[in-house]
Amino acid sequence: MTERIDRAAEAQRLVTYAKGASVPGSGALYLAEAQVHATLALVEQQRIANLIALGSKKPDLADGATIRLPLFDPRMGTLLDEVRVGLGLS
């Protein structure tokens, strides 16, 4: 698994760089990159929220069957890696 980038921290770091930029125009570039990281941080959190919402409900299907998205790895008895990492628990 690839190393997780803390998008929110990266956005904050880039905003700090933008405030101290001495080269004309470089502050705007830092701010643009910060916006990308901030947006990706929100996307990650929304995806985790969607996984949690789906995993906490058992919708009935037309044929009477039910589905459930697992949030836990049954072999390990722990949260799935992507959920744990997305919540910053690892």
PDB file of N, CA and C in Angstrom:
ATOM      1  N   MET A   1       0.838  -1.173   0.000  1.00  0.00           N
ATOM      2  CA  MET A   1       0.000   0.000   0.000  1.00  0.00           C
ATOM      3  C   MET A   1       0.889   1.244   0.000  1.00  0.00           C
ATOM      4  N   THR A   2       0.493   2.234  -0.739  1.00  0.00           N
ATOM      5  CA  THR A   2       1.287   3.458  -0.802  1.00  0.00           C
ATOM      6  C   THR A   2       1.103   4.272   0.467  1.00  0.00           C
ATOM      7  N   GLU A   3       2.084   5.107   0.725  1.00  0.00           N
ATOM      8  CA  GLU A   3       2.029   5.937   1.916  1.00  0.00           C
ATOM      9  C   GLU A   3       0.945   6.995   1.764  1.00  0.00           C
ATOM     10  N   ARG A   4       0.201   7.214   2.822  1.00  0.00           N
ATOM     11  CA  ARG A   4      -0.904   8.176   2.800  1.00  0.00           C
ATOM     12  C   ARG A   4      -0.354   9.598   2.904  1.00  0.00           C
ATOM     13  N   ILE A   5      -0.899  10.474   2.079  1.00  0.00           N
ATOM     14  CA  ILE A   5      -0.558  11.892   2.145  1.00  0.00           C
ATOM     15  C   ILE A   5      -1.608  12.573   3.000  1.00  0.00           C
ATOM     16  N   ASP A   6      -1.179  13.288   4.013  1.00  0.00           N
ATOM     17  CA  ASP A   6      -2.113  14.059   4.834  1.00  0.00           C
ATOM     18  C   ASP A   6      -2.448  15.326   4.053  1.00  0.00           C
ATOM     19  N   ARG A   7      -3.528  15.257   3.306  1.00  0.00           N
ATOM     20  CA  ARG A   7      -3.891  16.342   2.391  1.00  0.00           C
ATOM     21  C   ARG A   7      -4.170  17.653   3.119  1.00  0.00           C
ATOM     22  N   ALA A   8      -4.837  17.589   4.264  1.00  0.00           N
ATOM     23  CA  ALA A   8      -5.153  18.812   5.007  1.00  0.00           C
ATOM     24  C   ALA A   8      -3.878  19.492   5.501  1.00  0.00           C
ATOM     25  N   ALA A   9      -2.944  18.713   6.022  1.00  0.00           N
ATOM     26  CA  ALA A   9      -1.681  19.276   6.498  1.00  0.00           C
ATOM     27  C   ALA A   9      -0.873  19.856   5.338  1.00  0.00           C
ATOM     28  N   GLU A  10      -0.914  19.170   4.203  1.00  0.00           N
ATOM     29  CA  GLU A  10      -0.191  19.656   3.031  1.00  0.00           C
ATOM     30  C   GLU A  10      -0.787  20.980   2.551  1.00  0.00           C
ATOM     31  N   ALA A  11      -2.094  21.087   2.558  1.00  0.00           N
ATOM     32  CA  ALA A  11      -2.753  22.340   2.165  1.00  0.00           C
ATOM     33  C   ALA A  11      -2.347  23.476   3.098  1.00  0.00           C
ATOM     34  N   GLN A  12      -2.325  23.206   4.397  1.00  0.00           N
ATOM     35  CA  GLN A  12      -1.932  24.233   5.368  1.00  0.00           C
ATOM     36  C   GLN A  12      -0.476  24.652   5.161  1.00  0.00           C
ATOM     37  N   ARG A  13       0.386  23.681   4.884  1.00  0.00           N
ATOM     38  CA  ARG A  13       1.796  23.979   4.655  1.00  0.00           C
ATOM     39  C   ARG A  13       1.964  24.883   3.427  1.00  0.00           C
ATOM     40  N   LEU A  14       1.231  24.594   2.376  1.00  0.00           N
ATOM     41  CA  LEU A  14       1.334  25.377   1.151  1.00  0.00           C
ATOM     42  C   LEU A  14       0.782  26.791   1.326  1.00  0.00           C
ATOM     43  N   VAL A  15      -0.249  26.941   2.131  1.00  0.00           N
ATOM     44  CA  VAL A  15      -0.780  28.284   2.412  1.00  0.00           C
ATOM     45  C   VAL A  15       0.273  29.097   3.158  1.00  0.00           C
ATOM     46  N   THR A  16       0.970  28.466   4.085  1.00  0.00           N
ATOM     47  CA  THR A  16       2.037  29.149   4.808  1.00  0.00           C
ATOM     48  C   THR A  16       3.135  29.586   3.844  1.00  0.00           C
ATOM     49  N   TYR A  17       3.517  28.714   2.916  1.00  0.00           N
ATOM     50  CA  TYR A  17       4.508  29.086   1.909  1.00  0.00           C
ATOM     51  C   TYR A  17       4.020  30.257   1.074  1.00  0.00           C
ATOM     52  N   ALA A  18       2.745  30.237   0.698  1.00  0.00           N
ATOM     53  CA  ALA A  18       2.183  31.307  -0.136  1.00  0.00           C
ATOM     54  C   ALA A  18       2.274  32.651   0.575  1.00  0.00           C
ATOM     55  N   LYS A  19       2.041  32.647   1.880  1.00  0.00           N
ATOM     56  CA  LYS A  19       2.101  33.894   2.649  1.00  0.00           C
ATOM     57  C   LYS A  19       3.515  34.463   2.681  1.00  0.00           C
ATOM     58  N   GLY A  20       4.513  33.602   2.630  1.00  0.00           N
ATOM     59  CA  GLY A  20       5.895  34.058   2.706  1.00  0.00           C
ATOM     60  C   GLY A  20       6.606  34.089   1.369  1.00  0.00           C
ATOM     61  N   ALA A  21       5.870  33.896   0.279  1.00  0.00           N
ATOM     62  CA  ALA A  21       6.489  33.849  -1.050  1.00  0.00           C
ATOM     63  C   ALA A  21       7.085  35.198  -1.408  1.00  0.00           C
ATOM     64  N   SER A  22       8.318  35.165  -1.882  1.00  0.00           N
ATOM     65  CA  SER A  22       8.995  36.409  -2.260  1.00  0.00           C
ATOM     66  C   SER A  22       9.097  36.594  -3.767  1.00  0.00           C
ATOM     67  N   VAL A  23       8.924  35.516  -4.512  1.00  0.00           N
ATOM     68  CA  VAL A  23       8.982  35.593  -5.970  1.00  0.00           C
ATOM     69  C   VAL A  23       7.580  35.933  -6.484  1.00  0.00           C
ATOM     70  N   PRO A  24       7.440  36.974  -7.294  1.00  0.00           N
ATOM     71  CA  PRO A  24       6.128  37.360  -7.805  1.00  0.00           C
ATOM     72  C   PRO A  24       5.434  36.199  -8.522  1.00  0.00           C
ATOM     73  N   GLY A  25       4.203  35.962  -8.180  1.00  0.00           N
ATOM     74  CA  GLY A  25       3.417  34.901  -8.804  1.00  0.00           C
ATOM     75  C   GLY A  25       3.532  33.550  -8.134  1.00  0.00           C
ATOM     76  N   SER A  26       4.585  33.326  -7.354  1.00  0.00           N
ATOM     77  CA  SER A  26       4.744  32.000  -6.745  1.00  0.00           C
ATOM     78  C   SER A  26       3.704  31.767  -5.650  1.00  0.00           C
ATOM     79  N   GLY A  27       3.272  32.838  -4.995  1.00  0.00           N
ATOM     80  CA  GLY A  27       2.241  32.685  -3.969  1.00  0.00           C
ATOM     81  C   GLY A  27       0.957  32.123  -4.548  1.00  0.00           C
ATOM     82  N   ALA A  28       0.597  32.577  -5.745  1.00  0.00           N
ATOM     83  CA  ALA A  28      -0.617  32.083  -6.403  1.00  0.00           C
ATOM     84  C   ALA A  28      -0.483  30.601  -6.747  1.00  0.00           C
ATOM     85  N   LEU A  29       0.700  30.182  -7.138  1.00  0.00           N
ATOM     86  CA  LEU A  29       0.918  28.764  -7.448  1.00  0.00           C
ATOM     87  C   LEU A  29       0.796  27.904  -6.199  1.00  0.00           C
ATOM     88  N   TYR A  30       1.355  28.381  -5.090  1.00  0.00           N
ATOM     89  CA  TYR A  30       1.217  27.648  -3.821  1.00  0.00           C
ATOM     90  C   TYR A  30      -0.246  27.552  -3.417  1.00  0.00           C
ATOM     91  N   LEU A  31      -0.984  28.651  -3.583  1.00  0.00           N
ATOM     92  CA  LEU A  31      -2.403  28.646  -3.216  1.00  0.00           C
ATOM     93  C   LEU A  31      -3.202  27.700  -4.103  1.00  0.00           C
ATOM     94  N   ALA A  32      -2.875  27.640  -5.373  1.00  0.00           N
ATOM     95  CA  ALA A  32      -3.573  26.720  -6.280  1.00  0.00           C
ATOM     96  C   ALA A  32      -3.319  25.272  -5.874  1.00  0.00           C
ATOM     97  N   GLU A  33      -2.070  24.968  -5.538  1.00  0.00           N
ATOM     98  CA  GLU A  33      -1.756  23.604  -5.101  1.00  0.00           C
ATOM     99  C   GLU A  33      -2.417  23.297  -3.757  1.00  0.00           C
ATOM    100  N   ALA A  34      -2.464  24.287  -2.885  1.00  0.00           N
ATOM    101  CA  ALA A  34      -3.139  24.109  -1.592  1.00  0.00           C
ATOM    102  C   ALA A  34      -4.618  23.799  -1.807  1.00  0.00           C
ATOM    103  N   GLN A  35      -5.238  24.473  -2.762  1.00  0.00           N
ATOM    104  CA  GLN A  35      -6.660  24.230  -3.057  1.00  0.00           C
ATOM    105  C   GLN A  35      -6.886  22.801  -3.526  1.00  0.00           C
ATOM    106  N   VAL A  36      -5.983  22.295  -4.353  1.00  0.00           N
ATOM    107  CA  VAL A  36      -6.093  20.912  -4.825  1.00  0.00           C
ATOM    108  C   VAL A  36      -6.025  19.944  -3.643  1.00  0.00           C
ATOM    109  N   HIS A  37      -5.060  20.139  -2.755  1.00  0.00           N
ATOM    110  CA  HIS A  37      -4.924  19.241  -1.603  1.00  0.00           C
ATOM    111  C   HIS A  37      -6.131  19.352  -0.672  1.00  0.00           C
ATOM    112  N   ALA A  38      -6.641  20.557  -0.480  1.00  0.00           N
ATOM    113  CA  ALA A  38      -7.816  20.741   0.383  1.00  0.00           C
ATOM    114  C   ALA A  38      -9.034  20.028  -0.209  1.00  0.00           C
ATOM    115  N   THR A  39      -9.190  20.127  -1.521  1.00  0.00           N
ATOM    116  CA  THR A  39     -10.307  19.450  -2.179  1.00  0.00           C
ATOM    117  C   THR A  39     -10.168  17.938  -2.060  1.00  0.00           C
ATOM    118  N   LEU A  40      -8.959  17.423  -2.269  1.00  0.00           N
ATOM    119  CA  LEU A  40      -8.739  15.979  -2.138  1.00  0.00           C
ATOM    120  C   LEU A  40      -8.954  15.507  -0.702  1.00  0.00           C
ATOM    121  N   ALA A  41      -8.624  16.337   0.276  1.00  0.00           N
ATOM    122  CA  ALA A  41      -8.887  15.982   1.682  1.00  0.00           C
ATOM    123  C   ALA A  41     -10.384  15.835   1.909  1.00  0.00           C
ATOM    124  N   LEU A  42     -11.169  16.738   1.347  1.00  0.00           N
ATOM    125  CA  LEU A  42     -12.623  16.644   1.481  1.00  0.00           C
ATOM    126  C   LEU A  42     -13.165  15.410   0.764  1.00  0.00           C
ATOM    127  N   VAL A  43     -12.627  15.103  -0.392  1.00  0.00           N
ATOM    128  CA  VAL A  43     -13.057  13.921  -1.141  1.00  0.00           C
ATOM    129  C   VAL A  43     -12.781  12.653  -0.337  1.00  0.00           C
ATOM    130  N   GLU A  44     -11.608  12.564   0.271  1.00  0.00           N
ATOM    131  CA  GLU A  44     -11.266  11.391   1.088  1.00  0.00           C
ATOM    132  C   GLU A  44     -12.246  11.230   2.248  1.00  0.00           C
ATOM    133  N   GLN A  45     -12.530  12.329   2.920  1.00  0.00           N
ATOM    134  CA  GLN A  45     -13.437  12.262   4.066  1.00  0.00           C
ATOM    135  C   GLN A  45     -14.858  11.919   3.641  1.00  0.00           C
ATOM    136  N   GLN A  46     -15.307  12.449   2.508  1.00  0.00           N
ATOM    137  CA  GLN A  46     -16.646  12.123   2.020  1.00  0.00           C
ATOM    138  C   GLN A  46     -16.750  10.654   1.643  1.00  0.00           C
ATOM    139  N   ARG A  47     -15.695  10.121   1.052  1.00  0.00           N
ATOM    140  CA  ARG A  47     -15.686   8.700   0.677  1.00  0.00           C
ATOM    141  C   ARG A  47     -15.776   7.816   1.917  1.00  0.00           C
ATOM    142  N   ILE A  48     -15.025   8.162   2.948  1.00  0.00           N
ATOM    143  CA  ILE A  48     -15.085   7.395   4.195  1.00  0.00           C
ATOM    144  C   ILE A  48     -16.481   7.503   4.809  1.00  0.00           C
ATOM    145  N   ALA A  49     -17.059   8.703   4.800  1.00  0.00           N
ATOM    146  CA  ALA A  49     -18.408   8.884   5.341  1.00  0.00           C
ATOM    147  C   ALA A  49     -19.409   8.024   4.565  1.00  0.00           C
ATOM    148  N   ASN A  50     -19.249   7.957   3.251  1.00  0.00           N
ATOM    149  CA  ASN A  50     -20.141   7.125   2.443  1.00  0.00           C
ATOM    150  C   ASN A  50     -19.970   5.649   2.769  1.00  0.00           C
ATOM    151  N   LEU A  51     -18.733   5.204   2.969  1.00  0.00           N
ATOM    152  CA  LEU A  51     -18.500   3.804   3.333  1.00  0.00           C
ATOM    153  C   LEU A  51     -19.142   3.478   4.680  1.00  0.00           C
ATOM    154  N   ILE A  52     -19.007   4.388   5.625  1.00  0.00           N
ATOM    155  CA  ILE A  52     -19.603   4.168   6.946  1.00  0.00           C
ATOM    156  C   ILE A  52     -21.125   4.124   6.840  1.00  0.00           C
ATOM    157  N   ALA A  53     -21.698   5.047   6.075  1.00  0.00           N
ATOM    158  CA  ALA A  53     -23.151   5.069   5.908  1.00  0.00           C
ATOM    159  C   ALA A  53     -23.647   3.790   5.234  1.00  0.00           C
ATOM    160  N   LEU A  54     -22.947   3.358   4.199  1.00  0.00           N
ATOM    161  CA  LEU A  54     -23.352   2.124   3.528  1.00  0.00           C
ATOM    162  C   LEU A  54     -23.177   0.908   4.417  1.00  0.00           C
ATOM    163  N   GLY A  55     -22.124   0.919   5.214  1.00  0.00           N
ATOM    164  CA  GLY A  55     -21.852  -0.228   6.078  1.00  0.00           C
ATOM    165  C   GLY A  55     -22.770  -0.321   7.270  1.00  0.00           C
ATOM    166  N   SER A  56     -23.459   0.752   7.588  1.00  0.00           N
ATOM    167  CA  SER A  56     -24.316   0.738   8.769  1.00  0.00           C
ATOM    168  C   SER A  56     -25.768   0.438   8.433  1.00  0.00           C
ATOM    169  N   LYS A  57     -26.079   0.263   7.158  1.00  0.00           N
ATOM    170  CA  LYS A  57     -27.458  -0.012   6.742  1.00  0.00           C
ATOM    171  C   LYS A  57     -27.523  -1.333   5.997  1.00  0.00           C
ATOM    172  N   LYS A  58     -28.653  -1.969   6.080  1.00  0.00           N
ATOM    173  CA  LYS A  58     -28.874  -3.212   5.353  1.00  0.00           C
ATOM    174  C   LYS A  58     -30.090  -3.018   4.450  1.00  0.00           C
ATOM    175  N   PRO A  59     -29.888  -2.410   3.289  1.00  0.00           N
ATOM    176  CA  PRO A  59     -31.040  -2.191   2.404  1.00  0.00           C
ATOM    177  C   PRO A  59     -31.596  -3.511   1.883  1.00  0.00           C
ATOM    178  N   ASP A  60     -32.910  -3.578   1.794  1.00  0.00           N
ATOM    179  CA  ASP A  60     -33.564  -4.771   1.250  1.00  0.00           C
ATOM    180  C   ASP A  60     -33.575  -4.697  -0.269  1.00  0.00           C
ATOM    181  N   LEU A  61     -33.232  -5.788  -0.888  1.00  0.00           N
ATOM    182  CA  LEU A  61     -33.279  -5.871  -2.341  1.00  0.00           C
ATOM    183  C   LEU A  61     -34.638  -6.423  -2.754  1.00  0.00           C
ATOM    184  N   ALA A  62     -34.954  -6.319  -4.022  1.00  0.00           N
ATOM    185  CA  ALA A  62     -36.261  -6.725  -4.531  1.00  0.00           C
ATOM    186  C   ALA A  62     -36.570  -8.191  -4.225  1.00  0.00           C
ATOM    187  N   ASP A  63     -35.558  -9.050  -4.248  1.00  0.00           N
ATOM    188  CA  ASP A  63     -35.807 -10.474  -4.027  1.00  0.00           C
ATOM    189  C   ASP A  63     -35.764 -10.870  -2.551  1.00  0.00           C
ATOM    190  N   GLY A  64     -35.701  -9.873  -1.666  1.00  0.00           N
ATOM    191  CA  GLY A  64     -35.694 -10.154  -0.230  1.00  0.00           C
ATOM    192  C   GLY A  64     -34.315 -10.307   0.361  1.00  0.00           C
ATOM    193  N   ALA A  65     -33.285 -10.340  -0.484  1.00  0.00           N
ATOM    194  CA  ALA A  65     -31.910 -10.451   0.011  1.00  0.00           C
ATOM    195  C   ALA A  65     -31.465  -9.102   0.572  1.00  0.00           C
ATOM    196  N   THR A  66     -30.467  -9.125   1.381  1.00  0.00           N
ATOM    197  CA  THR A  66     -29.911  -7.882   1.912  1.00  0.00           C
ATOM    198  C   THR A  66     -28.432  -7.818   1.564  1.00  0.00           C
ATOM    199  N   ILE A  67     -27.919  -6.605   1.492  1.00  0.00           N
ATOM    200  CA  ILE A  67     -26.494  -6.420   1.254  1.00  0.00           C
ATOM    201  C   ILE A  67     -25.920  -5.587   2.385  1.00  0.00           C
ATOM    202  N   ARG A  68     -24.651  -5.737   2.597  1.00  0.00           N
ATOM    203  CA  ARG A  68     -23.976  -4.942   3.615  1.00  0.00           C
ATOM    204  C   ARG A  68     -22.530  -4.774   3.185  1.00  0.00           C
ATOM    205  N   LEU A  69     -22.090  -3.534   3.142  1.00  0.00           N
ATOM    206  CA  LEU A  69     -20.703  -3.265   2.793  1.00  0.00           C
ATOM    207  C   LEU A  69     -19.861  -3.452   4.049  1.00  0.00           C
ATOM    208  N   PRO A  70     -18.905  -4.355   4.025  1.00  0.00           N
ATOM    209  CA  PRO A  70     -18.098  -4.566   5.231  1.00  0.00           C
ATOM    210  C   PRO A  70     -17.108  -3.432   5.464  1.00  0.00           C
ATOM    211  N   LEU A  71     -17.043  -2.972   6.703  1.00  0.00           N
ATOM    212  CA  LEU A  71     -16.048  -1.978   7.096  1.00  0.00           C
ATOM    213  C   LEU A  71     -14.895  -2.640   7.828  1.00  0.00           C
ATOM    214  N   PHE A  72     -15.114  -3.908   8.184  1.00  0.00           N
ATOM    215  CA  PHE A  72     -14.109  -4.634   8.952  1.00  0.00           C
ATOM    216  C   PHE A  72     -13.565  -5.788   8.144  1.00  0.00           C
ATOM    217  N   ASP A  73     -12.301  -6.066   8.325  1.00  0.00           N
ATOM    218  CA  ASP A  73     -11.670  -7.224   7.712  1.00  0.00           C
ATOM    219  C   ASP A  73     -11.992  -8.419   8.606  1.00  0.00           C
ATOM    220  N   PRO A  74     -12.805  -9.357   8.140  1.00  0.00           N
ATOM    221  CA  PRO A  74     -13.211 -10.470   9.009  1.00  0.00           C
ATOM    222  C   PRO A  74     -12.049 -11.361   9.440  1.00  0.00           C
ATOM    223  N   ARG A  75     -11.011 -11.429   8.622  1.00  0.00           N
ATOM    224  CA  ARG A  75      -9.854 -12.260   8.971  1.00  0.00           C
ATOM    225  C   ARG A  75      -9.060 -11.657  10.118  1.00  0.00           C
ATOM    226  N   MET A  76      -8.964 -10.322  10.116  1.00  0.00           N
ATOM    227  CA  MET A  76      -8.148  -9.629  11.116  1.00  0.00           C
ATOM    228  C   MET A  76      -8.973  -9.067  12.262  1.00  0.00           C
ATOM    229  N   GLY A  77     -10.277  -8.903  12.042  1.00  0.00           N
ATOM    230  CA  GLY A  77     -11.123  -8.319  13.077  1.00  0.00           C
ATOM    231  C   GLY A  77     -10.850  -6.834  13.281  1.00  0.00           C
ATOM    232  N   THR A  78     -10.359  -6.174  12.232  1.00  0.00           N
ATOM    233  CA  THR A  78     -10.039  -4.758  12.316  1.00  0.00           C
ATOM    234  C   THR A  78     -10.713  -4.014  11.166  1.00  0.00           C
ATOM    235  N   LEU A  79     -10.699  -2.701  11.253  1.00  0.00           N
ATOM    236  CA  LEU A  79     -11.217  -1.900  10.161  1.00  0.00           C
ATOM    237  C   LEU A  79     -10.436  -2.176   8.892  1.00  0.00           C
ATOM    238  N   LEU A  80     -11.103  -2.079   7.756  1.00  0.00           N
ATOM    239  CA  LEU A  80     -10.395  -2.205   6.483  1.00  0.00           C
ATOM    240  C   LEU A  80      -9.302  -1.151   6.427  1.00  0.00           C
ATOM    241  N   ASP A  81      -8.209  -1.479   5.781  1.00  0.00           N
ATOM    242  CA  ASP A  81      -7.069  -0.560   5.692  1.00  0.00           C
ATOM    243  C   ASP A  81      -7.479   0.809   5.188  1.00  0.00           C
ATOM    244  N   GLU A  82      -8.263   0.852   4.090  1.00  0.00           N
ATOM    245  CA  GLU A  82      -8.611   2.141   3.504  1.00  0.00           C
ATOM    246  C   GLU A  82      -9.472   2.987   4.446  1.00  0.00           C
ATOM    247  N   VAL A  83     -10.304   2.353   5.256  1.00  0.00           N
ATOM    248  CA  VAL A  83     -11.127   3.094   6.213  1.00  0.00           C
ATOM    249  C   VAL A  83     -10.249   3.604   7.361  1.00  0.00           C
ATOM    250  N   ARG A  84      -9.428   2.716   7.888  1.00  0.00           N
ATOM    251  CA  ARG A  84      -8.550   3.082   9.004  1.00  0.00           C
ATOM    252  C   ARG A  84      -7.605   4.225   8.621  1.00  0.00           C
ATOM    253  N   VAL A  85      -6.972   4.097   7.467  1.00  0.00           N
ATOM    254  CA  VAL A  85      -6.034   5.115   6.999  1.00  0.00           C
ATOM    255  C   VAL A  85      -6.774   6.405   6.696  1.00  0.00           C
ATOM    256  N   GLY A  86      -7.926   6.299   6.058  1.00  0.00           N
ATOM    257  CA  GLY A  86      -8.704   7.483   5.723  1.00  0.00           C
ATOM    258  C   GLY A  86      -9.161   8.267   6.934  1.00  0.00           C
ATOM    259  N   LEU A  87      -9.377   7.575   8.024  1.00  0.00           N
ATOM    260  CA  LEU A  87      -9.752   8.235   9.266  1.00  0.00           C
ATOM    261  C   LEU A  87      -8.546   8.680  10.083  1.00  0.00           C
ATOM    262  N   GLY A  88      -7.358   8.371   9.578  1.00  0.00           N
ATOM    263  CA  GLY A  88      -6.137   8.783  10.272  1.00  0.00           C
ATOM    264  C   GLY A  88      -5.849   7.942  11.502  1.00  0.00           C
ATOM    265  N   LEU A  89      -6.300   6.696  11.492  1.00  0.00           N
ATOM    266  CA  LEU A  89      -6.118   5.823  12.655  1.00  0.00           C
ATOM    267  C   LEU A  89      -4.884   4.944  12.579  1.00  0.00           C
ATOM    268  N   SER A  90      -4.082   5.100  11.533  1.00  0.00           N
ATOM    269  CA  SER A  90      -2.895   4.256  11.456  1.00  0.00           C
ATOM    270  C   SER A  90      -1.652   5.099  11.405  1.00  0.00           C
TER     271      SER A  90
END
